[in-house]
Amino acid sequence: MKVNHRAVFGLLAVGAACFSTVLSAPAAYAGSQNYIQITNHAGILANTCYKWRDAEGKNYCHNVRPVNDTWKAYFPEEATGAKIDLSTSVVDYATVDTAAVTDTNRNHCFEITGLVDRPKLQETGC
């Protein structure tokens, strides 16, 4: 049986990429019961990135979240705060708004409002 080496190499590359994506994906629950919940009510595809204070190695993003979608980011156990960066998938992923969270002992709920030119990230309370 003749094997096409390019096809085999391509399959191995795809398999390796999928495997590394699974390994690098953040856990939905990282050890804390408290979370940041975000709902997208803006006219954008939203990206939110979380920079955890005192848990920098656990930073990650939720990307290309559609209108009316809701998602959560759980505080890592060692985190003492967070910075949330909002960007859009349309305009080169540049940060368009930011919010800070300093109390990790409770849940925080945010809403994204506005349109492509001026989306806003606002804490609403849970």
Protein backbone atom coordinates (compact mmCIF):
# COMPACT_ATOMS: atom_id res chain seq x y z
CA MET A 1 0.00 0.00 0.00
CA LYS A 2 1.37 3.35 -1.01
CA VAL A 3 1.14 6.13 1.60
CA ASN A 4 0.94 9.77 0.68
CA HIS A 5 3.44 11.37 3.09
CA ARG A 6 1.91 14.84 2.77
CA ALA A 7 -1.52 13.53 3.76
CA VAL A 8 -0.08 11.69 6.77
CA PHE A 9 1.91 14.77 7.81
CA GLY A 10 -1.22 16.94 7.43
CA LEU A 11 -3.29 14.60 9.60
CA LEU A 12 -0.58 14.54 12.26
CA ALA A 13 -0.38 18.35 12.24
CA VAL A 14 -4.16 18.70 12.61
CA GLY A 15 -4.18 16.13 15.42
CA ALA A 16 -1.37 17.93 17.25
CA ALA A 17 -3.13 21.28 16.90
CA CYS A 18 -6.39 19.86 18.26
CA PHE A 19 -4.59 18.16 21.16
CA SER A 20 -2.72 21.35 22.12
CA THR A 21 -5.96 23.35 21.97
CA VAL A 22 -7.61 20.94 24.39
CA LEU A 23 -4.63 21.12 26.76
CA SER A 24 -4.43 24.93 26.69
CA ALA A 25 -8.16 25.63 27.04
CA PRO A 26 -8.95 27.13 30.44
CA ALA A 27 -11.05 25.16 32.86
CA ALA A 28 -14.56 26.51 33.24
CA TYR A 29 -14.20 26.01 36.98
CA ALA A 30 -10.78 26.71 38.46
CA GLY A 31 -11.34 26.25 42.19
CA SER A 32 -13.45 29.25 43.25
CA GLN A 33 -17.22 29.33 43.59
CA ASN A 34 -17.32 33.01 42.59
CA TYR A 35 -17.42 34.22 39.03
CA ILE A 36 -17.71 37.07 36.58
CA GLN A 37 -20.77 36.71 34.34
CA ILE A 38 -21.07 38.72 31.14
CA THR A 39 -24.10 39.12 28.87
CA ASN A 40 -23.72 40.60 25.40
CA HIS A 41 -26.58 42.99 24.60
CA ALA A 42 -24.48 45.03 22.17
CA GLY A 43 -24.54 44.89 18.40
CA ILE A 44 -21.09 43.24 18.27
CA LEU A 45 -19.27 39.94 18.41
CA ALA A 46 -17.61 40.40 21.80
CA ASN A 47 -14.26 39.24 23.17
CA THR A 48 -13.50 39.43 26.89
CA CYS A 49 -10.07 38.80 28.35
CA TYR A 50 -9.43 38.28 32.05
CA LYS A 51 -6.20 39.33 33.72
CA TRP A 52 -6.27 37.85 37.20
CA ARG A 53 -4.38 39.75 39.91
CA ASP A 54 -1.99 37.39 41.76
CA ALA A 55 -2.85 34.54 39.36
CA GLU A 56 -1.26 35.81 36.13
CA GLY A 57 -0.55 32.34 34.75
CA LYS A 58 -4.31 31.73 34.60
CA ASN A 59 -5.24 34.64 32.27
CA TYR A 60 -7.48 33.76 29.31
CA CYS A 61 -10.14 35.09 26.92
CA HIS A 62 -13.63 34.27 25.70
CA ASN A 63 -13.77 35.15 22.00
CA VAL A 64 -16.44 35.85 19.37
CA ARG A 65 -19.45 35.79 21.68
CA PRO A 66 -22.66 36.66 19.78
CA VAL A 67 -25.48 39.01 20.76
CA ASN A 68 -27.64 37.73 23.66
CA ASP A 69 -24.99 35.22 24.74
CA THR A 70 -24.09 34.90 28.45
CA TRP A 71 -20.86 33.37 29.78
CA LYS A 72 -18.94 33.04 33.04
CA ALA A 73 -15.32 33.24 34.11
CA TYR A 74 -14.62 31.70 37.51
CA PHE A 75 -12.05 33.37 39.76
CA PRO A 76 -8.92 31.27 40.21
CA GLU A 77 -8.55 30.40 43.88
CA GLU A 78 -5.46 32.58 44.37
CA ALA A 79 -6.85 35.61 42.50
CA THR A 80 -7.28 38.84 44.47
CA GLY A 81 -8.91 40.77 41.65
CA ALA A 82 -9.36 40.96 37.91
CA LYS A 83 -9.17 43.31 34.96
CA ILE A 84 -11.64 42.62 32.16
CA ASP A 85 -10.78 43.88 28.69
CA LEU A 86 -13.57 44.12 26.11
CA SER A 87 -12.75 44.07 22.41
CA THR A 88 -14.67 43.39 19.22
CA SER A 89 -13.98 40.80 16.56
CA VAL A 90 -14.57 43.38 13.86
CA VAL A 91 -11.89 45.94 14.74
CA ASP A 92 -8.56 44.07 15.15
CA TYR A 93 -9.30 42.93 18.71
CA ALA A 94 -8.20 46.29 20.17
CA THR A 95 -9.50 46.91 23.69
CA VAL A 96 -12.51 49.24 23.59
CA ASP A 97 -13.51 49.18 27.27
CA THR A 98 -12.16 47.86 30.57
CA ALA A 99 -13.59 47.04 33.99
CA ALA A 100 -11.88 46.16 37.27
CA VAL A 101 -13.04 43.78 39.97
CA THR A 102 -11.45 43.96 43.42
CA ASP A 103 -13.78 41.75 45.48
CA THR A 104 -13.35 38.07 44.61
CA ASN A 105 -15.57 36.95 47.51
CA ARG A 106 -18.76 37.47 45.52
CA ASN A 107 -20.14 37.14 41.99
CA HIS A 108 -19.99 40.06 39.55
CA CYS A 109 -22.36 40.46 36.59
CA PHE A 110 -21.66 42.70 33.62
CA GLU A 111 -23.56 43.68 30.52
CA ILE A 112 -22.12 44.76 27.18
CA THR A 113 -24.20 47.47 25.53
CA GLY A 114 -23.83 49.77 22.54
CA LEU A 115 -22.82 49.30 18.94
CA VAL A 116 -19.59 48.59 17.08
CA ASP A 117 -18.29 52.15 17.41
CA ARG A 118 -18.81 52.44 21.20
CA PRO A 119 -19.52 49.22 23.12
CA LYS A 120 -19.52 49.54 26.92
CA LEU A 121 -18.89 47.02 29.69
CA GLN A 122 -21.01 47.89 32.72
CA GLU A 123 -21.44 46.09 36.03
CA THR A 124 -25.14 45.40 36.61
CA GLY A 125 -25.17 43.40 39.81
CA CYS A 126 -26.26 39.78 39.94
